[in-house]
PDB file of N, CA and C in Angstrom:
ATOM      1  N   UNK A   1       5.979  16.590  -1.987  1.00  0.00           N
ATOM      2  CA  UNK A   1       4.904  15.994  -2.746  1.00  0.00           C
ATOM      3  C   UNK A   1       3.841  15.494  -1.756  1.00  0.00           C
ATOM      4  N   UNK A   2       2.588  15.785  -2.034  1.00  0.00           N
ATOM      5  CA  UNK A   2       1.516  15.379  -1.131  1.00  0.00           C
ATOM      6  C   UNK A   2       1.252  13.882  -1.242  1.00  0.00           C
ATOM      7  N   UNK A   3       0.597  13.357  -0.235  1.00  0.00           N
ATOM      8  CA  UNK A   3       0.263  11.938  -0.230  1.00  0.00           C
ATOM      9  C   UNK A   3      -0.631  11.589  -1.416  1.00  0.00           C
ATOM     10  N   UNK A   4      -1.574  12.454  -1.724  1.00  0.00           N
ATOM     11  CA  UNK A   4      -2.467  12.218  -2.865  1.00  0.00           C
ATOM     12  C   UNK A   4      -1.666  12.066  -4.157  1.00  0.00           C
ATOM     13  N   UNK A   5      -0.705  12.920  -4.385  1.00  0.00           N
ATOM     14  CA  UNK A   5       0.112  12.862  -5.602  1.00  0.00           C
ATOM     15  C   UNK A   5       0.943  11.595  -5.624  1.00  0.00           C
ATOM     16  N   UNK A   6       1.505  11.224  -4.463  1.00  0.00           N
ATOM     17  CA  UNK A   6       2.307  10.001  -4.393  1.00  0.00           C
ATOM     18  C   UNK A   6       1.454   8.773  -4.707  1.00  0.00           C
ATOM     19  N   UNK A   7       0.236   8.748  -4.167  1.00  0.00           N
ATOM     20  CA  UNK A   7      -0.666   7.616  -4.409  1.00  0.00           C
ATOM     21  C   UNK A   7      -1.011   7.525  -5.889  1.00  0.00           C
ATOM     22  N   UNK A   8      -1.352   8.641  -6.487  1.00  0.00           N
ATOM     23  CA  UNK A   8      -1.692   8.637  -7.919  1.00  0.00           C
ATOM     24  C   UNK A   8      -0.499   8.193  -8.753  1.00  0.00           C
ATOM     25  N   UNK A   9       0.688   8.645  -8.388  1.00  0.00           N
ATOM     26  CA  UNK A   9       1.901   8.252  -9.110  1.00  0.00           C
ATOM     27  C   UNK A   9       2.093   6.734  -9.044  1.00  0.00           C
ATOM     28  N   UNK A  10       1.941   6.174  -7.861  1.00  0.00           N
ATOM     29  CA  UNK A  10       2.120   4.732  -7.708  1.00  0.00           C
ATOM     30  C   UNK A  10       1.055   3.962  -8.481  1.00  0.00           C
ATOM     31  N   UNK A  11      -0.172   4.433  -8.426  1.00  0.00           N
ATOM     32  CA  UNK A  11      -1.241   3.733  -9.145  1.00  0.00           C
ATOM     33  C   UNK A  11      -1.030   3.785 -10.654  1.00  0.00           C
ATOM     34  N   UNK A  12      -0.512   4.885 -11.133  1.00  0.00           N
ATOM     35  CA  UNK A  12      -0.286   5.034 -12.579  1.00  0.00           C
ATOM     36  C   UNK A  12       0.992   4.355 -13.053  1.00  0.00           C
ATOM     37  N   UNK A  13       1.933   4.122 -12.155  1.00  0.00           N
ATOM     38  CA  UNK A  13       3.231   3.556 -12.515  1.00  0.00           C
ATOM     39  C   UNK A  13       3.569   2.361 -11.635  1.00  0.00           C
ATOM     40  N   UNK A  14       2.587   1.538 -11.342  1.00  0.00           N
ATOM     41  CA  UNK A  14       2.771   0.448 -10.381  1.00  0.00           C
ATOM     42  C   UNK A  14       3.968  -0.438 -10.733  1.00  0.00           C
ATOM     43  N   UNK A  15       4.146  -0.764 -11.995  1.00  0.00           N
ATOM     44  CA  UNK A  15       5.225  -1.672 -12.397  1.00  0.00           C
ATOM     45  C   UNK A  15       6.614  -1.088 -12.156  1.00  0.00           C
ATOM     46  N   UNK A  16       6.704   0.229 -12.073  1.00  0.00           N
ATOM     47  CA  UNK A  16       7.996   0.879 -11.895  1.00  0.00           C
ATOM     48  C   UNK A  16       8.309   1.233 -10.440  1.00  0.00           C
ATOM     49  N   UNK A  17       7.407   0.905  -9.539  1.00  0.00           N
ATOM     50  CA  UNK A  17       7.563   1.268  -8.130  1.00  0.00           C
ATOM     51  C   UNK A  17       8.003   0.042  -7.338  1.00  0.00           C
ATOM     52  N   UNK A  18       8.941   0.226  -6.432  1.00  0.00           N
ATOM     53  CA  UNK A  18       9.402  -0.894  -5.602  1.00  0.00           C
ATOM     54  C   UNK A  18       8.345  -1.232  -4.551  1.00  0.00           C
ATOM     55  N   UNK A  19       8.402  -2.454  -4.068  1.00  0.00           N
ATOM     56  CA  UNK A  19       7.462  -2.855  -3.017  1.00  0.00           C
ATOM     57  C   UNK A  19       7.701  -2.018  -1.756  1.00  0.00           C
ATOM     58  N   UNK A  20       8.946  -1.648  -1.494  1.00  0.00           N
ATOM     59  CA  UNK A  20       9.248  -0.824  -0.321  1.00  0.00           C
ATOM     60  C   UNK A  20       8.559   0.535  -0.402  1.00  0.00           C
ATOM     61  N   UNK A  21       8.612   1.134  -1.577  1.00  0.00           N
ATOM     62  CA  UNK A  21       7.946   2.432  -1.762  1.00  0.00           C
ATOM     63  C   UNK A  21       6.437   2.279  -1.610  1.00  0.00           C
ATOM     64  N   UNK A  22       5.886   1.217  -2.189  1.00  0.00           N
ATOM     65  CA  UNK A  22       4.453   0.950  -2.086  1.00  0.00           C
ATOM     66  C   UNK A  22       4.044   0.827  -0.619  1.00  0.00           C
ATOM     67  N   UNK A  23       4.795   0.045   0.142  1.00  0.00           N
ATOM     68  CA  UNK A  23       4.455  -0.190   1.543  1.00  0.00           C
ATOM     69  C   UNK A  23       4.654   1.056   2.397  1.00  0.00           C
ATOM     70  N   UNK A  24       5.612   1.884   2.030  1.00  0.00           N
ATOM     71  CA  UNK A  24       5.834   3.140   2.752  1.00  0.00           C
ATOM     72  C   UNK A  24       4.597   4.040   2.646  1.00  0.00           C
ATOM     73  N   UNK A  25       4.034   4.127   1.450  1.00  0.00           N
ATOM     74  CA  UNK A  25       2.825   4.935   1.246  1.00  0.00           C
ATOM     75  C   UNK A  25       1.635   4.283   1.934  1.00  0.00           C
ATOM     76  N   UNK A  26       1.563   2.961   1.886  1.00  0.00           N
ATOM     77  CA  UNK A  26       0.470   2.252   2.560  1.00  0.00           C
ATOM     78  C   UNK A  26       0.499   2.533   4.066  1.00  0.00           C
ATOM     79  N   UNK A  27       1.683   2.626   4.645  1.00  0.00           N
ATOM     80  CA  UNK A  27       1.804   2.984   6.063  1.00  0.00           C
ATOM     81  C   UNK A  27       1.165   4.338   6.346  1.00  0.00           C
ATOM     82  N   UNK A  28       1.340   5.281   5.436  1.00  0.00           N
ATOM     83  CA  UNK A  28       0.748   6.607   5.611  1.00  0.00           C
ATOM     84  C   UNK A  28      -0.770   6.542   5.486  1.00  0.00           C
ATOM     85  N   UNK A  29      -1.254   5.697   4.577  1.00  0.00           N
ATOM     86  CA  UNK A  29      -2.700   5.523   4.421  1.00  0.00           C
ATOM     87  C   UNK A  29      -3.285   4.892   5.685  1.00  0.00           C
ATOM     88  N   UNK A  30      -2.560   3.952   6.272  1.00  0.00           N
ATOM     89  CA  UNK A  30      -3.050   3.260   7.468  1.00  0.00           C
ATOM     90  C   UNK A  30      -3.268   4.226   8.629  1.00  0.00           C
ATOM     91  N   UNK A  31      -2.568   5.342   8.635  1.00  0.00           N
ATOM     92  CA  UNK A  31      -2.767   6.343   9.683  1.00  0.00           C
ATOM     93  C   UNK A  31      -4.171   6.955   9.629  1.00  0.00           C
ATOM     94  N   UNK A  32      -4.813   6.860   8.471  1.00  0.00           N
ATOM     95  CA  UNK A  32      -6.142   7.437   8.272  1.00  0.00           C
ATOM     96  C   UNK A  32      -7.271   6.462   8.616  1.00  0.00           C
ATOM     97  N   UNK A  33      -6.933   5.205   8.846  1.00  0.00           N
ATOM     98  CA  UNK A  33      -7.963   4.201   9.113  1.00  0.00           C
ATOM     99  C   UNK A  33      -8.594   4.412  10.476  1.00  0.00           C
ATOM    100  N   UNK A  34      -9.892   4.216  10.545  1.00  0.00           N
ATOM    101  CA  UNK A  34     -10.619   4.379  11.802  1.00  0.00           C
ATOM    102  C   UNK A  34     -10.937   3.025  12.438  1.00  0.00           C
ATOM    103  N   UNK A  35     -10.874   1.956  11.655  1.00  0.00           N
ATOM    104  CA  UNK A  35     -11.202   0.618  12.143  1.00  0.00           C
ATOM    105  C   UNK A  35      -9.937  -0.120  12.573  1.00  0.00           C
ATOM    106  N   UNK A  36      -9.879  -0.488  13.848  1.00  0.00           N
ATOM    107  CA  UNK A  36      -8.727  -1.236  14.339  1.00  0.00           C
ATOM    108  C   UNK A  36      -8.627  -2.599  13.679  1.00  0.00           C
ATOM    109  N   UNK A  37      -9.759  -3.188  13.354  1.00  0.00           N
ATOM    110  CA  UNK A  37      -9.761  -4.489  12.700  1.00  0.00           C
ATOM    111  C   UNK A  37      -9.070  -4.410  11.340  1.00  0.00           C
ATOM    112  N   UNK A  38      -9.398  -3.389  10.560  1.00  0.00           N
ATOM    113  CA  UNK A  38      -8.780  -3.196   9.253  1.00  0.00           C
ATOM    114  C   UNK A  38      -7.296  -2.885   9.411  1.00  0.00           C
ATOM    115  N   UNK A  39      -6.964  -2.079  10.385  1.00  0.00           N
ATOM    116  CA  UNK A  39      -5.572  -1.715  10.635  1.00  0.00           C
ATOM    117  C   UNK A  39      -4.745  -2.953  10.982  1.00  0.00           C
ATOM    118  N   UNK A  40      -5.254  -3.794  11.858  1.00  0.00           N
ATOM    119  CA  UNK A  40      -4.540  -5.011  12.235  1.00  0.00           C
ATOM    120  C   UNK A  40      -4.410  -5.959  11.044  1.00  0.00           C
ATOM    121  N   UNK A  41      -5.457  -6.050  10.228  1.00  0.00           N
ATOM    122  CA  UNK A  41      -5.421  -6.882   9.026  1.00  0.00           C
ATOM    123  C   UNK A  41      -4.289  -6.418   8.101  1.00  0.00           C
ATOM    124  N   UNK A  42      -4.241  -5.116   7.859  1.00  0.00           N
ATOM    125  CA  UNK A  42      -3.212  -4.577   6.957  1.00  0.00           C
ATOM    126  C   UNK A  42      -1.812  -4.741   7.537  1.00  0.00           C
ATOM    127  N   UNK A  43      -1.662  -4.550   8.819  1.00  0.00           N
ATOM    128  CA  UNK A  43      -0.346  -4.739   9.441  1.00  0.00           C
ATOM    129  C   UNK A  43       0.125  -6.177   9.236  1.00  0.00           C
ATOM    130  N   UNK A  44      -0.791  -7.136   9.365  1.00  0.00           N
ATOM    131  CA  UNK A  44      -0.455  -8.533   9.132  1.00  0.00           C
ATOM    132  C   UNK A  44      -0.053  -8.786   7.692  1.00  0.00           C
ATOM    133  N   UNK A  45      -0.787  -8.190   6.758  1.00  0.00           N
ATOM    134  CA  UNK A  45      -0.467  -8.331   5.332  1.00  0.00           C
ATOM    135  C   UNK A  45       0.903  -7.750   5.030  1.00  0.00           C
ATOM    136  N   UNK A  46       1.185  -6.573   5.557  1.00  0.00           N
ATOM    137  CA  UNK A  46       2.470  -5.919   5.329  1.00  0.00           C
ATOM    138  C   UNK A  46       3.605  -6.785   5.875  1.00  0.00           C
ATOM    139  N   UNK A  47       3.416  -7.339   7.068  1.00  0.00           N
ATOM    140  CA  UNK A  47       4.444  -8.190   7.664  1.00  0.00           C
ATOM    141  C   UNK A  47       4.711  -9.408   6.786  1.00  0.00           C
ATOM    142  N   UNK A  48       3.651 -10.015   6.260  1.00  0.00           N
ATOM    143  CA  UNK A  48       3.818 -11.187   5.382  1.00  0.00           C
ATOM    144  C   UNK A  48       4.577 -10.800   4.111  1.00  0.00           C
ATOM    145  N   UNK A  49       4.276  -9.634   3.562  1.00  0.00           N
ATOM    146  CA  UNK A  49       4.964  -9.170   2.354  1.00  0.00           C
ATOM    147  C   UNK A  49       6.447  -8.964   2.644  1.00  0.00           C
ATOM    148  N   UNK A  50       6.754  -8.358   3.776  1.00  0.00           N
ATOM    149  CA  UNK A  50       8.151  -8.095   4.132  1.00  0.00           C
ATOM    150  C   UNK A  50       8.950  -9.385   4.314  1.00  0.00           C
ATOM    151  N   UNK A  51       8.277 -10.459   4.677  1.00  0.00           N
ATOM    152  CA  UNK A  51       8.943 -11.737   4.888  1.00  0.00           C
ATOM    153  C   UNK A  51       9.241 -12.480   3.583  1.00  0.00           C
ATOM    154  N   UNK A  52       8.603 -12.076   2.487  1.00  0.00           N
ATOM    155  CA  UNK A  52       8.835 -12.733   1.203  1.00  0.00           C
ATOM    156  C   UNK A  52      10.246 -12.434   0.711  1.00  0.00           C
ATOM    157  N   UNK A  53      10.799 -13.362  -0.048  1.00  0.00           N
ATOM    158  CA  UNK A  53      12.194 -13.207  -0.470  1.00  0.00           C
ATOM    159  C   UNK A  53      12.359 -12.501  -1.810  1.00  0.00           C
ATOM    160  N   UNK A  54      11.445 -12.686  -2.731  1.00  0.00           N
ATOM    161  CA  UNK A  54      11.655 -12.089  -4.053  1.00  0.00           C
ATOM    162  C   UNK A  54      10.789 -10.849  -4.256  1.00  0.00           C
ATOM    163  N   UNK A  55      11.333  -9.907  -4.975  1.00  0.00           N
ATOM    164  CA  UNK A  55      10.623  -8.661  -5.258  1.00  0.00           C
ATOM    165  C   UNK A  55       9.357  -8.931  -6.071  1.00  0.00           C
ATOM    166  N   UNK A  56       9.401  -9.892  -6.981  1.00  0.00           N
ATOM    167  CA  UNK A  56       8.211 -10.176  -7.807  1.00  0.00           C
ATOM    168  C   UNK A  56       7.065 -10.708  -6.939  1.00  0.00           C
ATOM    169  N   UNK A  57       7.375 -11.542  -5.951  1.00  0.00           N
ATOM    170  CA  UNK A  57       6.339 -12.025  -5.036  1.00  0.00           C
ATOM    171  C   UNK A  57       5.777 -10.864  -4.216  1.00  0.00           C
ATOM    172  N   UNK A  58       6.662  -9.997  -3.765  1.00  0.00           N
ATOM    173  CA  UNK A  58       6.224  -8.841  -2.986  1.00  0.00           C
ATOM    174  C   UNK A  58       5.301  -7.953  -3.812  1.00  0.00           C
ATOM    175  N   UNK A  59       5.683  -7.731  -5.070  1.00  0.00           N
ATOM    176  CA  UNK A  59       4.867  -6.877  -5.949  1.00  0.00           C
ATOM    177  C   UNK A  59       3.488  -7.491  -6.184  1.00  0.00           C
ATOM    178  N   UNK A  60       3.436  -8.811  -6.365  1.00  0.00           N
ATOM    179  CA  UNK A  60       2.150  -9.478  -6.563  1.00  0.00           C
ATOM    180  C   UNK A  60       1.244  -9.290  -5.355  1.00  0.00           C
ATOM    181  N   UNK A  61       1.802  -9.379  -4.176  1.00  0.00           N
ATOM    182  CA  UNK A  61       1.014  -9.190  -2.957  1.00  0.00           C
ATOM    183  C   UNK A  61       0.624  -7.719  -2.768  1.00  0.00           C
ATOM    184  N   UNK A  62       1.513  -6.817  -3.120  1.00  0.00           N
ATOM    185  CA  UNK A  62       1.194  -5.386  -3.033  1.00  0.00           C
ATOM    186  C   UNK A  62       0.034  -5.033  -3.963  1.00  0.00           C
ATOM    187  N   UNK A  63       0.027  -5.640  -5.120  1.00  0.00           N
ATOM    188  CA  UNK A  63      -1.031  -5.356  -6.099  1.00  0.00           C
ATOM    189  C   UNK A  63      -2.410  -5.646  -5.504  1.00  0.00           C
ATOM    190  N   UNK A  64      -2.490  -6.652  -4.650  1.00  0.00           N
ATOM    191  CA  UNK A  64      -3.755  -7.002  -4.016  1.00  0.00           C
ATOM    192  C   UNK A  64      -4.222  -5.931  -3.024  1.00  0.00           C
ATOM    193  N   UNK A  65      -3.319  -5.062  -2.613  1.00  0.00           N
ATOM    194  CA  UNK A  65      -3.659  -4.011  -1.647  1.00  0.00           C
ATOM    195  C   UNK A  65      -3.959  -2.664  -2.309  1.00  0.00           C
ATOM    196  N   UNK A  66      -3.944  -2.616  -3.621  1.00  0.00           N
ATOM    197  CA  UNK A  66      -4.255  -1.365  -4.335  1.00  0.00           C
ATOM    198  C   UNK A  66      -5.637  -0.789  -3.999  1.00  0.00           C
ATOM    199  N   UNK A  67      -6.636  -1.618  -3.676  1.00  0.00           N
ATOM    200  CA  UNK A  67      -7.935  -1.018  -3.311  1.00  0.00           C
ATOM    201  C   UNK A  67      -7.858  -0.044  -2.141  1.00  0.00           C
ATOM    202  N   UNK A  68      -6.878  -0.191  -1.269  1.00  0.00           N
ATOM    203  CA  UNK A  68      -6.726   0.753  -0.158  1.00  0.00           C
ATOM    204  C   UNK A  68      -6.246   2.113  -0.666  1.00  0.00           C
ATOM    205  N   UNK A  69      -5.490   2.102  -1.750  1.00  0.00           N
ATOM    206  CA  UNK A  69      -5.093   3.356  -2.391  1.00  0.00           C
ATOM    207  C   UNK A  69      -6.334   4.037  -2.969  1.00  0.00           C
ATOM    208  N   UNK A  70      -7.170   3.248  -3.647  1.00  0.00           N
ATOM    209  CA  UNK A  70      -8.427   3.789  -4.197  1.00  0.00           C
ATOM    210  C   UNK A  70      -9.295   4.366  -3.085  1.00  0.00           C
ATOM    211  N   UNK A  71      -9.401   3.619  -1.987  1.00  0.00           N
ATOM    212  CA  UNK A  71     -10.216   4.061  -0.862  1.00  0.00           C
ATOM    213  C   UNK A  71      -9.756   5.429  -0.374  1.00  0.00           C
ATOM    214  N   UNK A  72      -8.457   5.595  -0.243  1.00  0.00           N
ATOM    215  CA  UNK A  72      -7.932   6.878   0.245  1.00  0.00           C
ATOM    216  C   UNK A  72      -8.307   8.009  -0.711  1.00  0.00           C
ATOM    217  N   UNK A  73      -8.124   7.768  -2.004  1.00  0.00           N
ATOM    218  CA  UNK A  73      -8.418   8.816  -2.984  1.00  0.00           C
ATOM    219  C   UNK A  73      -9.913   9.153  -3.022  1.00  0.00           C
ATOM    220  N   UNK A  74     -10.752   8.178  -2.842  1.00  0.00           N
ATOM    221  CA  UNK A  74     -12.197   8.430  -2.867  1.00  0.00           C
ATOM    222  C   UNK A  74     -12.661   9.264  -1.673  1.00  0.00           C
ATOM    223  N   UNK A  75     -11.902   9.202  -0.588  1.00  0.00           N
ATOM    224  CA  UNK A  75     -12.265   9.962   0.594  1.00  0.00           C
ATOM    225  C   UNK A  75     -11.857  11.423   0.542  1.00  0.00           C
ATOM    226  N   UNK A  76     -11.122  11.806  -0.503  1.00  0.00           N
ATOM    227  CA  UNK A  76     -10.667  13.205  -0.594  1.00  0.00           C
ATOM    228  C   UNK A  76     -11.738  14.116  -1.121  1.00  0.00           C
TER     229      UNK A  76
END
Protein backbone atom coordinates (compact mmCIF):
# COMPACT_ATOMS: atom_id res chain seq x y z
CA UNK A 1 0.00 0.00 0.00
CA UNK A 2 1.41 3.40 -0.94
CA UNK A 3 2.00 6.15 1.58
CA UNK A 4 -0.73 8.25 -0.05
CA UNK A 5 -3.29 5.47 0.44
CA UNK A 6 -2.20 4.92 4.04
CA UNK A 7 -2.53 8.64 4.79
CA UNK A 8 -5.99 8.82 3.25
CA UNK A 9 -7.05 5.73 5.19
CA UNK A 10 -5.91 7.24 8.48
CA UNK A 11 -7.56 10.57 7.75
CA UNK A 12 -10.84 8.88 6.88
CA UNK A 13 -10.73 6.44 9.81
CA UNK A 14 -8.86 8.42 12.46
CA UNK A 15 -10.92 7.06 15.37
CA UNK A 16 -10.10 3.48 14.41
CA UNK A 17 -6.34 3.96 14.04
CA UNK A 18 -3.90 3.50 16.91
CA UNK A 19 -1.56 6.31 17.88
CA UNK A 20 1.36 4.00 17.02
CA UNK A 21 0.10 3.56 13.47
CA UNK A 22 -0.48 7.31 13.16
CA UNK A 23 3.05 8.10 14.34
CA UNK A 24 4.56 5.44 12.08
CA UNK A 25 3.06 7.18 9.03
CA UNK A 26 4.07 10.59 10.39
CA UNK A 27 7.67 9.33 10.51
CA UNK A 28 7.44 8.58 6.80
CA UNK A 29 6.02 12.05 6.12
CA UNK A 30 8.87 13.61 8.10
CA UNK A 31 11.32 12.12 5.60
CA UNK A 32 9.85 14.51 3.01
CA UNK A 33 10.36 17.66 5.08
CA UNK A 34 12.94 20.14 3.83
CA UNK A 35 12.97 22.39 6.91
CA UNK A 36 15.13 21.21 9.79
CA UNK A 37 13.21 23.48 12.13
CA UNK A 38 9.92 21.77 11.27
CA UNK A 39 11.55 18.35 11.50
CA UNK A 40 12.94 19.06 14.97
CA UNK A 41 9.57 20.46 16.08
CA UNK A 42 7.77 17.29 14.95
CA UNK A 43 10.36 15.01 16.53
CA UNK A 44 9.77 16.81 19.83
CA UNK A 45 6.00 16.45 19.47
CA UNK A 46 6.30 12.75 18.68
CA UNK A 47 8.55 12.20 21.71
CA UNK A 48 6.02 13.96 23.98
CA UNK A 49 3.21 11.80 22.58
CA UNK A 50 5.20 8.61 23.17
CA UNK A 51 5.72 9.63 26.80
CA UNK A 52 1.97 9.91 27.46
CA UNK A 53 0.42 7.02 29.35
CA UNK A 54 -3.09 6.73 27.95
CA UNK A 55 -4.08 5.99 24.38
CA UNK A 56 -6.84 8.63 24.50
CA UNK A 57 -4.30 11.34 25.40
CA UNK A 58 -2.03 10.14 22.62
CA UNK A 59 -4.90 10.23 20.12
CA UNK A 60 -5.82 13.78 21.15
CA UNK A 61 -2.26 14.92 20.53
CA UNK A 62 -2.04 13.02 17.24
CA UNK A 63 -5.19 14.75 16.05
CA UNK A 64 -3.36 18.07 16.35
CA UNK A 65 -0.78 16.80 13.85
CA UNK A 66 -3.28 15.92 11.11
CA UNK A 67 -2.40 19.10 9.16
CA UNK A 68 0.93 17.46 8.29
CA UNK A 69 -1.03 14.66 6.63
CA UNK A 70 -2.95 17.28 4.63
CA UNK A 71 0.32 18.99 3.71
CA UNK A 72 1.73 15.76 2.32
CA UNK A 73 -1.36 15.07 0.23
CA UNK A 74 -1.44 18.61 -1.16
CA UNK A 75 2.12 18.22 -2.39
CA UNK A 76 1.24 15.24 -4.59
